[in-house]
Amino acid sequence: MKPNLLPFLCLCAASPLALAQAEHLTETQRLIDKWVETERIISAERSEAKADLEMLAATRDLLRQRVDALEDTIAELKHEAEALNDERVSLVQEQTRLEASSAALAHQLAGFEAQLKQRVETFPPPLQEKLAKLLVQIPDRPNASDVEVGKRLVTLLGVLSEAAKFNQSLTLTYEIRELEDGSGVQADTLYWGYAFAISADASGHATYFGRPSEAGAWQFERLQDHQRETLQIIEMAEGNTDEARFVSLPIPFPADSVR
């Protein structure tokens, strides 16, 4: 009995086809796997791209807000700069006006200071002594002085204030009166402002009348008359009497000659 070779022959004939199909299936599976991996990568990339886009959009919005805020700040600073510029112009104009006023004041002040320097000798000695610290601050050359105008004005007003106060009051002082022989004697002196002064020595034996000389300095002349009246007035000024009373004392020069 001969063996049946048909199955074997069929198997041999089908093997190349089966192998080809198997290879095709493997390649197909590989392509499918590759496609799946590609889709996974694309999906991941799409998700990352979406996240990046969202982050970029948020960053854009934030930057836009910052830009808007900066634009508002710039506009505000520009407005403030314009206001400051207007204020600066106003201050420059004010400074120019003040400098002109200061120059005019300095010019007038120099004239007052020069006149005051000429009048200092006519001040009664007690007033000169009281104003000594202020008088030394008045410049000898007012137009060339570099001292601040404000400080000079305060000094001048201080001198004038004290001078006016002295001229409106009676001032009792104790001085050393120089005698004709060159010796000195203590004397009580009562000044009637700038008008005149009466004086009596400590013993009460000699009385004097003082007034500015033509040269300006004060001079005292011994009184030959009215010594008793002079002493009475000085005693009342010193408070050595129980009551005030009228005392007649002729003035040796007319009132219109008072300097």
Protein backbone atom coordinates (compact mmCIF):
# COMPACT_ATOMS: atom_id res chain seq x y z
CA MET A 1 0.00 0.00 0.00
CA LYS A 2 1.36 3.36 -1.05
CA PRO A 3 1.32 6.23 1.41
CA ASN A 4 -1.06 9.21 0.76
CA LEU A 5 1.19 12.13 -0.27
CA LEU A 6 -1.61 14.61 -0.91
CA PRO A 7 -1.69 16.20 2.57
CA PHE A 8 2.02 16.52 2.55
CA LEU A 9 1.99 18.07 -0.86
CA CYS A 10 -0.79 20.47 0.23
CA LEU A 11 1.13 21.39 3.33
CA CYS A 12 4.24 22.03 1.32
CA ALA A 13 2.31 24.07 -1.16
CA ALA A 14 0.59 26.18 1.58
CA SER A 15 3.71 26.93 3.63
CA PRO A 16 5.03 29.87 1.55
CA LEU A 17 1.62 31.48 1.52
CA ALA A 18 1.24 31.03 5.26
CA LEU A 19 4.64 32.48 5.84
CA ALA A 20 3.82 35.45 3.67
CA GLN A 21 0.59 36.01 5.50
CA ALA A 22 2.31 35.71 8.83
CA GLU A 23 4.91 38.23 7.80
CA HIS A 24 2.16 40.52 6.54
CA LEU A 25 0.33 40.23 9.82
CA THR A 26 3.50 40.98 11.75
CA GLU A 27 4.23 44.02 9.63
CA THR A 28 0.65 45.13 9.99
CA GLN A 29 0.85 44.70 13.74
CA ARG A 30 4.12 46.65 13.79
CA LEU A 31 2.56 49.46 11.77
CA ILE A 32 -0.46 49.48 14.02
CA ASP A 33 1.75 49.65 17.09
CA LYS A 34 3.77 52.41 15.51
CA TRP A 35 0.58 54.29 14.60
CA VAL A 36 -0.72 53.90 18.16
CA GLU A 37 2.58 55.16 19.54
CA THR A 38 2.48 58.03 17.11
CA GLU A 39 -1.07 58.90 18.11
CA ARG A 40 -0.01 58.73 21.76
CA ILE A 41 2.90 61.07 21.09
CA ILE A 42 0.68 63.39 19.06
CA SER A 43 -1.91 63.42 21.84
CA ALA A 44 0.79 64.11 24.44
CA GLU A 45 2.31 66.83 22.28
CA ARG A 46 -1.16 68.28 21.69
CA SER A 47 -1.80 68.31 25.46
CA GLU A 48 1.57 69.95 26.12
CA ALA A 49 0.98 72.43 23.31
CA LYS A 50 -2.44 73.25 24.75
CA ALA A 51 -0.92 73.74 28.20
CA ASP A 52 1.82 75.91 26.69
CA LEU A 53 -0.75 77.94 24.80
CA GLU A 54 -2.80 78.41 27.94
CA MET A 55 0.31 79.47 29.85
CA LEU A 56 1.30 81.82 27.04
CA ALA A 57 -2.20 83.29 26.99
CA ALA A 58 -2.09 83.82 30.76
CA THR A 59 1.38 85.39 30.44
CA ARG A 60 0.10 87.58 27.60
CA ASP A 61 -2.85 88.73 29.70
CA LEU A 62 -0.57 89.41 32.67
CA LEU A 63 1.86 91.34 30.51
CA ARG A 64 -1.03 93.25 28.99
CA GLN A 65 -2.21 94.19 32.48
CA ARG A 66 1.28 95.30 33.37
CA VAL A 67 1.54 97.30 30.19
CA ASP A 68 -1.78 98.97 30.93
CA ALA A 69 -0.62 99.70 34.49
CA LEU A 70 2.66 101.09 33.18
CA GLU A 71 0.82 103.24 30.66
CA ASP A 72 -1.38 104.58 33.46
CA THR A 73 1.72 105.24 35.58
CA ILE A 74 3.44 106.96 32.67
CA ALA A 75 0.38 109.10 32.05
CA GLU A 76 0.19 110.00 35.74
CA LEU A 77 3.92 110.77 35.88
CA LYS A 78 3.57 112.86 32.75
CA HIS A 79 0.73 114.79 34.35
CA GLU A 80 2.77 115.25 37.54
CA ALA A 81 5.79 116.31 35.47
CA GLU A 82 3.68 118.92 33.71
CA ALA A 83 2.36 120.14 37.07
CA LEU A 84 5.89 120.21 38.50
CA ASN A 85 7.10 122.07 35.45
CA ASP A 86 4.36 124.65 35.90
CA GLU A 87 5.26 124.89 39.58
CA ARG A 88 8.95 125.23 38.69
CA VAL A 89 8.15 128.05 36.28
CA SER A 90 6.06 129.71 38.98
CA LEU A 91 8.86 129.28 41.52
CA VAL A 92 11.42 130.70 39.10
CA GLN A 93 9.19 133.70 38.49
CA GLU A 94 8.67 134.09 42.25
CA GLN A 95 12.41 133.80 42.84
CA THR A 96 13.06 136.45 40.20
CA ARG A 97 10.49 138.72 41.84
CA LEU A 98 11.97 138.11 45.29
CA GLU A 99 15.49 138.76 44.04
CA ALA A 100 14.34 142.04 42.52
CA SER A 101 12.53 142.95 45.75
CA SER A 102 15.59 141.93 47.77
CA ALA A 103 17.84 144.10 45.60
CA ALA A 104 15.48 147.07 46.01
CA LEU A 105 15.28 146.43 49.76
CA ALA A 106 19.07 146.17 50.00
CA HIS A 107 19.41 149.51 48.23
CA GLN A 108 16.93 151.22 50.55
CA LEU A 109 18.43 149.48 53.57
CA ALA A 110 21.90 150.75 52.68
CA GLY A 111 20.54 154.30 52.70
CA PHE A 112 18.92 153.81 56.11
CA GLU A 113 22.09 152.27 57.51
CA ALA A 114 24.20 155.18 56.25
CA GLN A 115 21.80 157.69 57.84
CA LEU A 116 21.79 155.74 61.08
CA LYS A 117 25.60 155.71 61.18
CA GLN A 118 25.51 159.50 60.94
CA ARG A 119 22.91 159.77 63.71
CA VAL A 120 24.49 157.41 66.23
CA GLU A 121 26.50 160.20 67.88
CA THR A 122 23.29 162.11 68.56
CA PHE A 123 21.96 159.19 70.62
CA PRO A 124 22.19 159.77 74.38
CA PRO A 125 25.12 157.86 75.94
CA PRO A 126 22.87 155.34 77.76
CA LEU A 127 21.17 154.47 74.48
CA GLN A 128 24.50 154.12 72.69
CA GLU A 129 25.67 151.77 75.43
CA LYS A 130 22.48 149.71 75.21
CA LEU A 131 22.71 149.47 71.43
CA ALA A 132 26.45 148.77 71.30
CA LYS A 133 26.08 145.11 70.29
CA LEU A 134 23.62 145.99 67.53
CA LEU A 135 25.47 149.07 66.26
CA VAL A 136 28.67 147.10 65.58
CA GLN A 137 26.65 144.87 63.23
CA ILE A 138 25.74 147.77 60.96
CA PRO A 139 28.22 147.73 58.05
CA ASP A 140 30.51 150.70 57.53
CA ARG A 141 30.03 150.35 53.78
CA PRO A 142 26.38 149.29 53.37
CA ASN A 143 26.45 149.16 49.56
CA ALA A 144 29.39 146.73 49.63
CA SER A 145 28.17 144.55 52.50
CA ASP A 146 27.87 140.79 51.95
CA VAL A 147 25.73 140.25 55.05
CA GLU A 148 22.27 138.87 54.32
CA VAL A 149 19.62 141.53 53.83
CA GLY A 150 17.29 139.82 56.29
CA LYS A 151 19.88 139.88 59.07
CA ARG A 152 20.72 143.52 58.38
CA LEU A 153 17.03 144.43 58.40
CA VAL A 154 16.52 142.73 61.77
CA THR A 155 19.48 144.65 63.17
CA LEU A 156 18.20 147.97 61.82
CA LEU A 157 14.69 147.38 63.13
CA GLY A 158 16.11 146.41 66.51
CA VAL A 159 18.07 149.68 66.70
CA LEU A 160 15.10 151.78 65.61
CA SER A 161 12.78 150.01 68.04
CA GLU A 162 15.07 150.63 71.01
CA ALA A 163 15.71 154.21 69.88
CA ALA A 164 11.98 154.92 69.59
CA LYS A 165 11.35 153.36 73.00
CA PHE A 166 14.09 155.51 74.57
CA ASN A 167 12.76 158.67 72.93
CA GLN A 168 9.28 158.06 74.32
CA SER A 169 10.32 157.59 77.93
CA LEU A 170 12.30 159.07 80.81
CA THR A 171 15.55 157.27 81.53
CA LEU A 172 17.40 157.59 84.81
CA THR A 173 21.05 156.59 84.76
CA TYR A 174 24.13 156.91 86.94
CA GLU A 175 27.12 158.38 85.14
CA ILE A 176 30.54 159.76 85.84
CA ARG A 177 30.48 163.49 85.10
CA GLU A 178 33.84 164.95 84.12
CA LEU A 179 34.69 168.24 85.83
CA GLU A 180 36.66 171.15 84.46
CA ASP A 181 39.80 170.10 86.31
CA GLY A 182 39.66 166.68 84.64
CA SER A 183 38.42 164.81 87.67
CA GLY A 184 35.18 162.84 87.67
CA VAL A 185 32.18 162.79 89.95
CA GLN A 186 29.24 160.39 90.13
CA ALA A 187 26.04 162.01 88.88
CA ASP A 188 22.40 160.99 88.63
CA THR A 189 21.15 161.84 85.14
CA LEU A 190 17.58 161.94 83.86
CA TYR A 191 17.10 161.87 80.07
CA TRP A 192 13.96 163.26 78.39
CA GLY A 193 14.28 161.08 75.30
CA TYR A 194 16.53 162.82 72.79
CA ALA A 195 15.44 166.31 73.87
CA PHE A 196 17.63 167.02 76.88
CA ALA A 197 18.89 165.68 80.18
CA ILE A 198 19.34 167.05 83.69
CA SER A 199 21.98 165.79 86.06
CA ALA A 200 23.09 166.27 89.65
CA ASP A 201 26.22 165.05 91.43
CA ALA A 202 25.97 162.75 94.40
CA SER A 203 26.42 165.62 96.85
CA GLY A 204 23.63 167.64 95.26
CA HIS A 205 25.85 170.73 95.11
CA ALA A 206 26.21 170.78 91.34
CA THR A 207 23.54 170.34 88.67
CA TYR A 208 23.96 170.03 84.92
CA PHE A 209 21.97 170.38 81.74
CA GLY A 210 22.77 168.16 78.75
CA ARG A 211 21.87 168.24 75.07
CA PRO A 212 23.39 167.22 71.72
CA SER A 213 25.98 169.65 70.44
CA GLU A 214 26.06 170.96 66.87
CA ALA A 215 28.62 168.25 66.12
CA GLY A 216 26.19 165.66 67.44
CA ALA A 217 27.85 164.43 70.65
CA TRP A 218 26.09 165.17 73.92
CA GLN A 219 27.50 167.93 76.13
CA PHE A 220 26.66 168.84 79.72
CA GLU A 221 26.90 172.38 81.08
CA ARG A 222 26.74 173.24 84.74
CA LEU A 223 23.54 175.03 85.74
CA GLN A 224 23.91 178.29 87.59
CA ASP A 225 20.18 178.59 88.30
CA HIS A 226 17.29 176.27 89.09
CA GLN A 227 19.47 173.80 90.99
CA ARG A 228 16.75 173.14 93.56
CA GLU A 229 14.15 172.38 90.87
CA THR A 230 16.60 170.06 89.11
CA LEU A 231 17.26 168.15 92.31
CA GLN A 232 13.53 167.86 93.01
CA ILE A 233 12.85 166.35 89.60
CA ILE A 234 15.69 163.82 89.98
CA GLU A 235 14.51 162.88 93.47
CA MET A 236 11.01 162.21 92.17
CA ALA A 237 12.45 160.12 89.33
CA GLU A 238 14.44 158.10 91.86
CA GLY A 239 11.36 157.65 94.04
CA ASN A 240 12.90 159.43 97.01
CA THR A 241 9.84 161.64 97.63
CA ASP A 242 6.51 160.76 99.18
CA GLU A 243 4.43 162.55 96.60
CA ALA A 244 4.68 163.80 93.03
CA ARG A 245 4.34 167.50 92.38
CA PHE A 246 4.71 169.96 89.54
CA VAL A 247 8.13 171.53 89.22
CA SER A 248 8.86 174.46 86.92
CA LEU A 249 12.16 174.10 85.08
CA PRO A 250 12.90 176.41 82.15
CA ILE A 251 14.61 174.77 79.20
CA PRO A 252 17.74 176.68 78.10
CA PHE A 253 17.01 176.35 74.38
CA PRO A 254 13.89 176.57 72.21
CA ALA A 255 12.05 173.37 71.44
CA ASP A 256 12.50 173.78 67.69
CA SER A 257 16.28 173.56 68.12
CA VAL A 258 16.15 170.03 69.47
CA ARG A 259 18.08 167.77 67.12
